[in-house]
Protein backbone atom coordinates (compact mmCIF):
# COMPACT_ATOMS: atom_id res chain seq x y z
CA MET A 1 21.26 -25.96 0.30
CA ASP A 2 16.93 -25.96 0.28
CA LEU A 3 16.36 -22.42 1.46
CA ALA A 4 12.74 -23.59 1.37
CA HIS A 5 13.15 -25.66 4.31
CA ALA A 6 16.58 -24.58 5.75
CA HIS A 7 13.95 -22.36 8.20
CA THR A 8 13.29 -25.83 10.13
CA SER A 9 16.31 -27.34 11.24
CA PRO A 10 16.82 -27.23 14.82
CA SER A 11 19.70 -24.66 14.86
CA HIS A 12 17.97 -22.21 12.99
CA ILE A 13 14.72 -22.52 15.45
CA GLU A 14 16.83 -22.31 18.48
CA GLY A 15 18.39 -18.91 16.78
CA SER A 16 14.74 -17.72 15.07
CA TRP A 17 13.53 -16.77 18.90
CA ARG A 18 15.25 -13.30 18.67
CA PRO A 19 13.26 -12.04 15.44
CA PHE A 20 10.33 -13.82 16.88
CA VAL A 21 10.88 -11.49 20.07
CA ARG A 22 11.14 -8.29 17.80
CA HIS A 23 8.03 -8.73 15.86
CA LEU A 24 6.31 -9.50 18.67
CA VAL A 25 7.41 -5.58 20.37
CA GLU A 26 7.09 -3.97 16.99
CA MET A 27 3.38 -4.92 16.93
CA ILE A 28 2.98 -4.06 21.05
CA VAL A 29 4.80 -0.50 20.10
CA ALA A 30 2.29 0.14 16.64
CA MET A 31 -0.70 -1.24 18.82
CA LEU A 32 -0.03 1.51 21.31
CA LEU A 33 0.36 4.07 18.46
CA GLY A 34 -2.34 3.45 16.71
CA MET A 35 -4.55 3.80 20.15
CA ALA A 36 -3.30 7.04 20.85
CA VAL A 37 -3.26 8.67 17.67
CA LEU A 38 -6.93 7.64 16.69
CA GLY A 39 -8.21 7.57 20.15
CA ALA A 40 -7.30 11.32 20.47
CA ALA A 41 -9.09 11.62 16.75
CA VAL A 42 -12.33 9.49 17.37
CA SER A 43 -12.57 11.70 21.21
CA LEU A 44 -12.07 14.85 19.17
CA VAL A 45 -14.84 14.11 16.51
CA PHE A 46 -17.09 12.66 19.42
CA ALA A 47 -16.43 16.07 21.16
CA LEU A 48 -17.49 18.03 18.43
CA ILE A 49 -20.62 16.33 17.97
CA GLY A 50 -21.55 16.63 21.26
CA HIS A 51 -21.53 13.00 22.05
CA SER A 52 -18.39 12.54 24.06
CA ASN A 53 -20.57 10.89 26.76
CA LEU A 54 -20.87 7.68 24.94
CA LEU A 55 -16.99 7.17 25.57
CA HIS A 56 -17.37 6.35 29.34
CA TYR A 57 -19.36 3.29 28.51
CA ALA A 58 -16.91 0.43 28.86
CA GLY A 59 -18.49 -1.12 26.35
CA LEU A 60 -18.63 1.36 23.53
CA ARG A 61 -14.63 2.42 24.51
CA GLY A 62 -13.31 -1.47 24.79
CA LEU A 63 -14.66 -1.77 21.31
CA LEU A 64 -13.15 1.02 20.21
CA MET A 65 -9.99 0.31 21.40
CA SER A 66 -9.55 -3.17 19.88
CA ALA A 67 -10.27 -1.31 16.87
CA TYR A 68 -7.49 1.21 17.61
CA MET A 69 -4.33 -1.11 18.42
CA THR A 70 -5.83 -3.51 15.45
CA VAL A 71 -5.45 -0.81 12.47
CA GLY A 72 -1.93 0.38 14.47
CA MET A 73 -0.47 -3.53 14.30
CA ALA A 74 -2.46 -4.23 10.94
CA LEU A 75 -0.04 -1.46 9.53
CA TRP A 76 2.78 -2.12 10.63
CA MET A 77 2.58 -5.81 9.66
CA ARG A 78 1.80 -4.62 5.81
CA HIS A 79 4.49 -2.34 5.98
CA ARG A 80 6.91 -5.38 6.92
CA GLY A 81 5.69 -7.44 4.33
CA HIS A 82 3.38 -9.74 6.04
CA ARG A 83 0.57 -11.43 3.92
CA TRP A 84 -3.32 -10.12 3.87
CA LEU A 85 -3.92 -13.94 5.56
CA SER A 86 -1.65 -13.52 8.54
CA VAL A 87 -2.64 -9.74 9.15
CA GLY A 88 -6.44 -10.33 9.17
CA GLU A 89 -5.82 -13.85 11.58
CA MET A 90 -3.72 -10.96 14.29
CA ALA A 91 -6.42 -8.99 13.59
CA ALA A 92 -9.18 -11.35 14.26
CA ALA A 93 -7.25 -12.17 17.71
CA MET A 94 -7.27 -8.95 19.00
CA PHE A 95 -10.97 -8.78 18.88
CA VAL A 96 -11.42 -12.53 21.09
CA PRO A 97 -10.70 -11.10 24.03
CA TYR A 98 -13.58 -8.18 23.81
CA LEU A 99 -15.98 -10.98 22.59
CA ALA A 100 -15.08 -13.37 25.30
CA LEU A 101 -15.62 -10.85 27.76
CA ILE A 102 -18.38 -8.59 26.42
CA GLY A 103 -21.48 -10.84 27.67
CA PRO A 104 -20.50 -10.80 30.85
CA PHE A 105 -20.03 -7.34 31.51
CA ALA A 106 -23.18 -6.89 29.83
CA ALA A 107 -24.93 -8.68 32.52
CA GLY A 108 -22.98 -7.33 35.20
CA SER A 109 -20.87 -9.98 36.52
CA ILE A 110 -17.92 -7.94 35.91
CA PRO A 111 -17.59 -4.47 36.57
CA ALA A 112 -15.88 -1.73 33.99
CA GLY A 113 -12.56 -1.21 35.07
CA GLN A 114 -12.18 -4.69 34.88
CA PHE A 115 -13.51 -5.78 31.85
CA LEU A 116 -11.17 -3.20 30.14
CA GLY A 117 -8.27 -4.33 32.18
CA ALA A 118 -8.61 -7.90 31.31
CA MET A 119 -9.35 -7.29 28.06
CA HIS A 120 -5.95 -6.24 27.31
CA VAL A 121 -4.15 -8.43 29.48
CA LEU A 122 -5.75 -11.28 27.42
CA MET A 123 -5.07 -9.82 23.74
CA LEU A 124 -1.13 -10.48 24.60
CA PRO A 125 -1.87 -14.23 24.52
CA CYS A 126 -4.02 -14.31 21.61
CA MET A 127 -1.17 -12.88 20.10
CA VAL A 128 1.11 -15.47 20.92
CA ALA A 129 -0.90 -17.83 19.96
CA VAL A 130 -0.88 -16.94 16.66
CA MET A 131 2.28 -16.14 16.38
CA LEU A 132 3.32 -19.31 17.13
CA HIS A 133 0.63 -21.06 15.03
CA ARG A 134 2.59 -19.21 12.02
CA ARG A 135 5.91 -19.28 13.64
CA GLU A 136 7.75 -20.16 10.73
CA GLU A 137 6.94 -16.73 9.68
CA TYR A 138 7.35 -14.93 12.73
CA SER A 139 10.74 -16.56 13.24
CA ARG A 140 12.15 -15.31 9.99
CA ASP A 141 13.88 -11.61 9.66
CA HIS A 142 10.70 -9.01 8.36
CA ARG A 143 13.12 -8.68 5.11
CA LEU A 144 12.36 -11.75 3.84
CA HIS A 145 8.62 -11.48 4.03
CA ALA A 146 8.22 -8.94 1.10
CA SER A 147 7.29 -10.05 -2.63
CA ARG A 148 10.03 -10.14 -5.31
CA SER A 149 7.51 -8.64 -7.80
CA ALA A 150 5.41 -5.27 -6.80
CA ARG A 151 1.96 -5.22 -5.25
CA ALA A 152 -1.17 -4.60 -8.00
CA LEU A 153 -4.75 -4.94 -7.51
CA PRO A 154 -6.97 -7.61 -9.64
CA ARG A 155 -7.27 -6.52 -13.35
CA GLY A 156 -10.96 -7.65 -12.54
CA LEU A 157 -11.47 -4.36 -10.77
CA ALA A 158 -9.16 -2.05 -13.18
CA ARG A 159 -11.94 -3.24 -15.81
CA PHE A 160 -14.70 -2.37 -13.42
CA ASN A 161 -12.99 0.80 -12.29
CA ARG A 162 -12.97 1.44 -16.09
CA ARG A 163 -16.39 1.02 -17.22
CA VAL A 164 -18.03 2.58 -13.63
CA ALA A 165 -15.46 4.52 -11.67
CA ASN A 166 -13.92 6.31 -14.31
CA PRO A 167 -16.28 8.75 -15.43
CA ILE A 168 -17.37 9.69 -12.43
CA VAL A 169 -13.33 10.32 -11.31
CA ARG A 170 -12.61 12.12 -14.17
CA LEU A 171 -15.31 14.88 -13.14
CA VAL A 172 -12.90 15.98 -10.54
CA ALA A 173 -9.75 14.22 -12.17
CA GLY A 174 -7.14 17.08 -12.88
CA ARG A 175 -8.56 19.43 -10.84
CA VAL A 176 -8.50 18.18 -7.41
CA PRO A 177 -4.97 17.02 -6.22
CA PRO A 178 -3.75 14.29 -6.19
CA LEU A 179 -6.08 13.56 -9.15
CA ALA A 180 -4.39 13.61 -12.51
CA VAL A 181 -5.78 12.94 -16.16
CA VAL A 182 -3.08 11.05 -17.85
CA HIS A 183 -3.74 11.16 -21.68
CA HIS A 184 -2.12 8.47 -24.08
CA THR A 185 -3.12 7.13 -27.68
CA GLY A 186 -3.64 3.63 -27.59
CA ARG A 187 -0.82 1.69 -29.10
CA SER A 188 -2.99 -0.30 -32.25
CA SER A 189 -6.14 1.64 -32.36
CA GLY A 190 -4.51 5.49 -32.29
CA ARG A 191 -7.52 6.38 -30.57
CA ARG A 192 -6.64 8.68 -27.63
CA HIS A 193 -7.69 7.87 -24.05
CA ARG A 194 -8.00 9.75 -20.41
CA THR A 195 -7.13 8.07 -17.72
CA PRO A 196 -7.55 9.32 -14.19
CA VAL A 197 -4.04 8.07 -11.75
CA VAL A 198 -2.93 9.23 -8.72
CA ALA A 199 -0.07 11.40 -9.65
CA PHE A 200 2.91 13.64 -7.47
CA ALA A 201 4.33 16.37 -8.29
CA ARG A 202 8.38 16.31 -7.11
CA GLY A 203 10.72 19.36 -8.41
CA ASP A 204 9.57 18.78 -12.21
CA ALA A 205 9.15 15.28 -12.31
CA ILE A 206 5.88 13.31 -11.75
CA VAL A 207 5.25 10.39 -9.97
CA ILE A 208 2.80 8.30 -10.46
CA ALA A 209 2.03 4.52 -8.34
CA LEU A 210 1.41 1.38 -11.09
CA VAL A 211 -1.78 0.58 -9.08
CA TYR A 212 -2.64 -1.62 -11.66
CA GLY A 213 0.75 -2.69 -12.62
CA ARG A 214 3.11 -2.78 -15.00
CA GLU A 215 0.67 -4.32 -17.84
CA SER A 216 -2.38 -1.57 -17.87
CA ASP A 217 -3.08 -0.33 -21.34
CA TRP A 218 -2.74 2.76 -20.64
CA VAL A 219 0.97 2.11 -19.12
CA ARG A 220 1.93 0.41 -22.16
CA ASN A 221 0.56 3.07 -24.33
CA VAL A 222 2.93 5.66 -22.30
CA GLY A 223 5.92 3.16 -22.67
CA ALA A 224 5.01 2.89 -26.53
CA THR A 225 5.74 6.73 -26.99
CA GLY A 226 7.90 7.39 -24.44
CA GLY A 227 5.97 10.05 -22.35
CA ALA A 228 2.57 11.03 -21.96
CA SER A 229 0.43 14.61 -21.56
CA ILE A 230 -0.90 14.86 -17.63
CA THR A 231 -3.24 17.27 -16.39
CA ARG A 232 -3.13 18.17 -13.00
CA ARG A 233 -4.38 21.58 -10.83
CA GLY A 234 -6.10 22.45 -14.37
CA ARG A 235 -2.92 22.61 -15.90
CA SER A 236 -1.94 20.29 -18.86
CA GLU A 237 1.56 19.35 -19.12
CA ALA A 238 4.03 16.95 -21.47
CA TYR A 239 6.28 14.46 -19.63
CA VAL A 240 9.20 12.14 -21.00
CA GLU A 241 11.69 9.86 -20.02
CA PRO A 242 9.87 7.46 -18.09
CA GLU A 243 11.37 5.54 -15.72
CA ILE A 244 9.79 2.42 -13.73
CA SER A 245 11.51 1.57 -10.20
CA ARG A 246 10.53 0.41 -6.71
CA GLY A 247 12.07 0.00 -3.28
CA HIS A 248 14.41 2.23 -1.60
CA GLU A 249 15.43 4.31 -4.54
CA ALA A 250 11.73 4.90 -5.28
CA HIS A 251 11.21 5.93 -2.59
CA GLY A 252 13.20 8.93 -2.79
CA TRP A 253 11.27 10.04 -5.56
CA VAL A 254 8.65 11.12 -3.13
CA SER A 255 8.28 13.33 -0.53
CA PRO A 256 8.29 11.72 3.08
CA VAL A 257 4.74 12.82 3.93
CA VAL A 258 4.03 10.30 0.83
CA ARG A 259 6.77 7.80 1.60
CA PHE A 260 4.88 5.83 4.22
CA GLY A 261 2.17 4.91 2.01
CA VAL A 262 4.24 4.06 -0.77
CA ARG A 263 6.18 1.80 1.16
CA LEU A 264 3.11 0.25 3.01
CA LEU A 265 1.57 -0.16 -0.32
CA ASP A 266 4.64 -1.60 -2.50
CA PHE A 267 3.24 -0.48 -5.71
CA ASP A 268 5.36 0.25 -8.58
CA LEU A 269 6.53 3.91 -8.81
CA ILE A 270 6.84 5.41 -12.03
CA ARG A 271 8.45 8.48 -12.91
CA MET A 272 8.43 10.93 -15.83
CA LYS A 273 9.89 14.62 -16.24
CA ARG A 274 8.62 17.63 -17.63
CA SER A 275 9.40 18.67 -21.26
CA PRO A 276 8.20 21.66 -22.97
CA ALA A 277 8.58 19.87 -26.14
CA LEU A 278 4.94 18.04 -27.64
CA ILE A 279 4.70 14.29 -27.50
CA ASP A 280 4.96 12.39 -30.91
CA THR A 281 2.86 9.70 -30.39
CA ARG A 282 3.53 7.71 -33.25
CA LYS A 283 7.32 6.89 -32.44
CA THR A 284 8.39 3.72 -30.08
CA VAL A 285 11.01 4.96 -28.33
CA ASP A 286 13.60 3.24 -25.30
CA ILE A 287 12.31 3.47 -21.75
CA ARG A 288 15.02 2.49 -18.65
CA ARG A 289 13.01 0.36 -16.40
CA ARG A 290 14.63 -0.02 -12.60
CA SER A 291 14.20 -4.05 -11.87
CA THR A 292 14.37 -4.40 -8.29
CA GLY A 293 12.99 -7.31 -5.93
CA GLY A 294 11.94 -4.66 -3.25
CA ILE A 295 15.52 -2.71 -3.18
CA ALA A 296 15.90 -0.81 -6.41
CA GLY A 297 18.66 -2.13 -8.52
CA ASP A 298 20.57 -1.10 -12.00
CA ALA A 299 19.01 0.43 -14.48
CA THR A 300 18.58 -1.94 -17.72
CA PRO A 301 16.87 -0.28 -20.91
CA MET A 302 14.02 -1.51 -22.71
CA ARG A 303 13.90 -2.92 -26.29
CA GLY A 304 12.82 0.07 -28.66
CA PRO A 305 12.61 0.94 -32.79
CA SER A 306 15.40 -0.59 -33.48
CA GLU A 307 14.43 -4.27 -32.25
CA GLU A 308 11.62 -3.69 -33.80
CA ARG A 309 9.39 -4.04 -30.78
CA THR A 310 6.83 -1.81 -28.90
CA ILE A 311 7.48 -1.74 -25.36
CA ARG A 312 5.12 -3.66 -23.01
CA SER A 313 6.17 -2.33 -19.90
CA PRO A 314 4.35 0.22 -17.67
CA VAL A 315 5.48 3.74 -16.51
CA SER A 316 2.95 4.65 -13.53
CA VAL A 317 0.83 5.05 -10.38
CA SER A 318 -2.84 4.91 -11.03
CA CYS A 319 -6.16 4.36 -9.62
CA SER A 320 -7.60 3.19 -13.04
CA ALA A 321 -6.26 0.60 -15.61
CA SER A 322 -6.93 1.97 -19.31
């Protein structure tokens, strides 16, 4: 059976309205939550700076409400695994009613109440139009949207950060959480390096997000030595036994507060356990890598010294690549 085209069959399309409607309802709920949460926060900010009267202008209120709902909807779509292109199209559709009505409102053709009411009413058909344009995507179960491999930021950005951002971030990394510094040794050069990362402690372990993927140099260096020295809150400690995972099991590695962001961004995570022993950076050791496709799978051992191969796979949650 050709799974790539199975969703176009008439029988599937007929039964696809349920996920289509569920997608729409979920996005509407996310929009309302975004408007409630961000609206309250922005109102508080305007009140604190003494300009809450600005929010009485319907033109500004309409723009802000469109932004609140777009943010809530975009976060939920990313959480459900939609592509950035789809998120961008839906976000653009959210602003179409505002752009279409702001001119007549500014000219005095329609009063403020009708302007805001019509703007909200027109958002729904605009959203449905985009969904029909991408009907195949919105007619599938949301679990099919998730990518089979973890997300990672472009390597070009990693090289830029290594030369420009990292020297600046290192001024505070290791002192101000969640920023930390990973001390590692080059696999070939033997030189010592310091890489700032975003790290979260959980019990006797530390979890880092592989923002630039498993092929980051510092991740491969840590993999080759089986651990690293990590400075956090002004204190350096050794960490060993790195494991890489993503999906449901990896989500349990972090606190509930951090978990939503981890699920939204869908990066690989690396976990290492605290060790009182020093790390011998001259040795190549085995690393257990959990291979998952969005859901944690079985642990599989990576090749070690007995197979005369330096480990190439990574171990971490970073804000840099080196």
